[in-house]
Amino acid sequence: MQSLRDVPVGSTVSVKKLYGEGAIKRRIMDMGITKGTSVYVRKVAPLGDPIEVTVRGYELSLRKSDAALIEVN
């Protein structure tokens, strides 16, 4: 399993599955990250957290702990 946390900068991936329970999963889905969505990894902060991605035409910053819950291919 490859999570969004492990994707190198400059890569575009597709969301395969979301993990997590309840409010955490709902929050990720409310940000537009759903199964089949393309995600482009724009940059990673100097200390590694957060990760900046482009989803559905807008920029979004995700904590590494949240990115680890998103399985991609």
N, C-alpha and C. Protein backbone atom coordinates (compact mmCIF):
# COMPACT_ATOMS: atom_id res chain seq x y z
N MET A 1 0.84 -1.19 0.00
CA MET A 1 0.00 0.00 0.00
C MET A 1 0.88 1.25 0.00
N GLN A 2 0.60 2.16 -0.91
CA GLN A 2 1.30 3.44 -0.95
C GLN A 2 0.33 4.52 -0.50
N SER A 3 0.75 5.30 0.48
CA SER A 3 -0.11 6.38 0.95
C SER A 3 0.33 7.69 0.31
N LEU A 4 -0.53 8.69 0.39
CA LEU A 4 -0.22 10.01 -0.15
C LEU A 4 1.01 10.60 0.54
N ARG A 5 1.24 10.19 1.74
CA ARG A 5 2.40 10.67 2.51
C ARG A 5 3.73 10.30 1.83
N ASP A 6 3.76 9.18 1.11
CA ASP A 6 4.99 8.65 0.50
C ASP A 6 5.22 9.10 -0.94
N VAL A 7 4.29 9.85 -1.52
CA VAL A 7 4.40 10.25 -2.92
C VAL A 7 5.43 11.37 -3.08
N PRO A 8 6.34 11.25 -4.05
CA PRO A 8 7.35 12.30 -4.25
C PRO A 8 6.74 13.58 -4.83
N VAL A 9 7.37 14.71 -4.55
CA VAL A 9 6.92 16.01 -5.06
C VAL A 9 6.94 15.99 -6.58
N GLY A 10 5.90 16.57 -7.19
CA GLY A 10 5.80 16.63 -8.64
C GLY A 10 5.04 15.48 -9.27
N SER A 11 4.56 14.55 -8.46
CA SER A 11 3.84 13.39 -8.97
C SER A 11 2.33 13.60 -8.88
N THR A 12 1.62 12.99 -9.82
CA THR A 12 0.16 12.98 -9.79
C THR A 12 -0.28 11.54 -9.56
N VAL A 13 -1.15 11.36 -8.59
CA VAL A 13 -1.64 10.02 -8.25
C VAL A 13 -3.16 10.05 -8.19
N SER A 14 -3.74 8.86 -8.14
CA SER A 14 -5.19 8.73 -8.03
C SER A 14 -5.53 8.11 -6.68
N VAL A 15 -6.57 8.61 -6.03
CA VAL A 15 -6.97 8.08 -4.73
C VAL A 15 -7.62 6.72 -4.93
N LYS A 16 -7.12 5.75 -4.18
CA LYS A 16 -7.63 4.39 -4.28
C LYS A 16 -8.62 4.07 -3.16
N LYS A 17 -8.26 4.49 -1.93
CA LYS A 17 -9.10 4.17 -0.77
C LYS A 17 -8.79 5.14 0.36
N LEU A 18 -9.80 5.43 1.17
CA LEU A 18 -9.62 6.27 2.36
C LEU A 18 -9.75 5.41 3.60
N TYR A 19 -8.83 5.61 4.53
CA TYR A 19 -8.89 4.92 5.81
C TYR A 19 -9.30 5.92 6.88
N GLY A 20 -9.42 5.47 8.09
CA GLY A 20 -9.82 6.38 9.16
C GLY A 20 -11.29 6.15 9.50
N GLU A 21 -11.71 6.73 10.59
CA GLU A 21 -13.07 6.53 11.08
C GLU A 21 -13.75 7.86 11.34
N GLY A 22 -15.04 7.88 11.18
CA GLY A 22 -15.88 8.99 11.60
C GLY A 22 -15.46 10.36 11.09
N ALA A 23 -15.21 11.27 12.04
CA ALA A 23 -14.95 12.67 11.73
C ALA A 23 -13.71 12.87 10.86
N ILE A 24 -12.68 12.07 11.07
CA ILE A 24 -11.45 12.22 10.28
C ILE A 24 -11.72 11.89 8.81
N LYS A 25 -12.36 10.76 8.57
CA LYS A 25 -12.68 10.36 7.20
C LYS A 25 -13.62 11.38 6.55
N ARG A 26 -14.60 11.85 7.27
CA ARG A 26 -15.57 12.82 6.76
C ARG A 26 -14.86 14.13 6.38
N ARG A 27 -13.91 14.57 7.21
CA ARG A 27 -13.18 15.81 6.94
C ARG A 27 -12.36 15.69 5.66
N ILE A 28 -11.69 14.54 5.46
CA ILE A 28 -10.91 14.32 4.25
C ILE A 28 -11.83 14.34 3.02
N MET A 29 -12.98 13.70 3.12
CA MET A 29 -13.93 13.67 2.01
C MET A 29 -14.51 15.06 1.74
N ASP A 30 -14.74 15.84 2.78
CA ASP A 30 -15.27 17.20 2.62
C ASP A 30 -14.27 18.11 1.90
N MET A 31 -12.98 17.78 1.98
CA MET A 31 -11.96 18.57 1.28
C MET A 31 -11.90 18.22 -0.20
N GLY A 32 -12.70 17.26 -0.64
CA GLY A 32 -12.73 16.88 -2.05
C GLY A 32 -11.89 15.67 -2.39
N ILE A 33 -11.32 15.04 -1.39
CA ILE A 33 -10.49 13.86 -1.64
C ILE A 33 -11.37 12.62 -1.50
N THR A 34 -11.79 12.10 -2.64
CA THR A 34 -12.64 10.91 -2.67
C THR A 34 -12.02 9.89 -3.63
N LYS A 35 -12.55 8.69 -3.62
CA LYS A 35 -12.03 7.61 -4.46
C LYS A 35 -12.05 8.03 -5.93
N GLY A 36 -10.93 7.82 -6.61
CA GLY A 36 -10.82 8.13 -8.03
C GLY A 36 -10.35 9.54 -8.35
N THR A 37 -10.23 10.39 -7.34
CA THR A 37 -9.80 11.78 -7.55
C THR A 37 -8.29 11.84 -7.81
N SER A 38 -7.89 12.68 -8.77
CA SER A 38 -6.47 12.90 -9.04
C SER A 38 -5.91 13.92 -8.04
N VAL A 39 -4.72 13.62 -7.52
CA VAL A 39 -4.06 14.50 -6.55
C VAL A 39 -2.64 14.75 -7.04
N TYR A 40 -2.26 16.03 -7.17
CA TYR A 40 -0.92 16.42 -7.57
C TYR A 40 -0.18 16.94 -6.34
N VAL A 41 0.97 16.34 -6.04
CA VAL A 41 1.76 16.77 -4.88
C VAL A 41 2.63 17.94 -5.31
N ARG A 42 2.31 19.15 -4.82
CA ARG A 42 3.01 20.38 -5.21
C ARG A 42 4.32 20.56 -4.47
N LYS A 43 4.27 20.49 -3.15
CA LYS A 43 5.49 20.67 -2.36
C LYS A 43 5.30 20.14 -0.94
N VAL A 44 6.44 19.99 -0.28
CA VAL A 44 6.45 19.55 1.11
C VAL A 44 7.18 20.61 1.91
N ALA A 45 6.67 20.96 3.06
CA ALA A 45 7.29 21.98 3.91
C ALA A 45 8.71 21.55 4.29
N PRO A 46 9.58 22.51 4.61
CA PRO A 46 10.98 22.20 4.92
C PRO A 46 11.17 21.13 6.01
N LEU A 47 10.31 21.12 7.00
CA LEU A 47 10.44 20.10 8.05
C LEU A 47 9.60 18.87 7.77
N GLY A 48 9.01 18.79 6.58
CA GLY A 48 8.27 17.60 6.17
C GLY A 48 6.78 17.62 6.45
N ASP A 49 6.30 18.59 7.15
CA ASP A 49 4.88 18.63 7.49
C ASP A 49 4.40 20.08 7.47
N PRO A 50 3.42 20.49 6.76
CA PRO A 50 2.45 19.70 5.98
C PRO A 50 2.89 19.47 4.53
N ILE A 51 2.02 18.76 3.80
CA ILE A 51 2.19 18.49 2.38
C ILE A 51 1.19 19.38 1.64
N GLU A 52 1.64 20.04 0.59
CA GLU A 52 0.72 20.86 -0.21
C GLU A 52 0.38 20.12 -1.49
N VAL A 53 -0.92 19.93 -1.75
CA VAL A 53 -1.39 19.20 -2.91
C VAL A 53 -2.41 20.05 -3.68
N THR A 54 -2.63 19.67 -4.93
CA THR A 54 -3.68 20.28 -5.74
C THR A 54 -4.74 19.22 -5.98
N VAL A 55 -5.97 19.53 -5.58
CA VAL A 55 -7.11 18.61 -5.71
C VAL A 55 -8.26 19.39 -6.33
N ARG A 56 -8.82 18.87 -7.41
CA ARG A 56 -9.99 19.48 -8.06
C ARG A 56 -9.78 20.97 -8.36
N GLY A 57 -8.55 21.35 -8.72
CA GLY A 57 -8.27 22.72 -9.12
C GLY A 57 -7.94 23.70 -8.00
N TYR A 58 -7.82 23.24 -6.77
CA TYR A 58 -7.43 24.16 -5.70
C TYR A 58 -6.32 23.56 -4.84
N GLU A 59 -5.57 24.45 -4.19
CA GLU A 59 -4.46 24.00 -3.36
C GLU A 59 -4.95 23.66 -1.96
N LEU A 60 -4.37 22.65 -1.40
CA LEU A 60 -4.77 22.16 -0.09
C LEU A 60 -3.54 21.71 0.67
N SER A 61 -3.47 22.04 1.94
CA SER A 61 -2.37 21.57 2.80
C SER A 61 -2.91 20.48 3.70
N LEU A 62 -2.17 19.38 3.76
CA LEU A 62 -2.56 18.23 4.58
C LEU A 62 -1.46 17.89 5.56
N ARG A 63 -1.85 17.54 6.77
CA ARG A 63 -0.88 17.01 7.73
C ARG A 63 -0.42 15.63 7.23
N LYS A 64 0.80 15.27 7.58
CA LYS A 64 1.30 13.95 7.19
C LYS A 64 0.46 12.83 7.78
N SER A 65 -0.06 13.04 8.99
CA SER A 65 -0.89 12.02 9.63
C SER A 65 -2.18 11.80 8.85
N ASP A 66 -2.74 12.88 8.27
CA ASP A 66 -3.94 12.73 7.44
C ASP A 66 -3.59 12.11 6.09
N ALA A 67 -2.46 12.51 5.50
CA ALA A 67 -2.04 11.98 4.21
C ALA A 67 -1.77 10.48 4.29
N ALA A 68 -1.36 10.00 5.46
CA ALA A 68 -1.10 8.57 5.63
C ALA A 68 -2.38 7.74 5.56
N LEU A 69 -3.54 8.37 5.74
CA LEU A 69 -4.82 7.67 5.69
C LEU A 69 -5.38 7.56 4.26
N ILE A 70 -4.68 8.13 3.29
CA ILE A 70 -5.15 8.14 1.91
C ILE A 70 -4.28 7.21 1.08
N GLU A 71 -4.86 6.09 0.64
CA GLU A 71 -4.14 5.13 -0.20
C GLU A 71 -4.24 5.57 -1.65
N VAL A 72 -3.11 5.58 -2.34
CA VAL A 72 -3.08 6.03 -3.74
C VAL A 72 -2.40 4.99 -4.62
N ASN A 73 -2.57 5.16 -5.94
CA ASN A 73 -1.86 4.29 -6.88
C ASN A 73 -1.38 5.09 -8.06
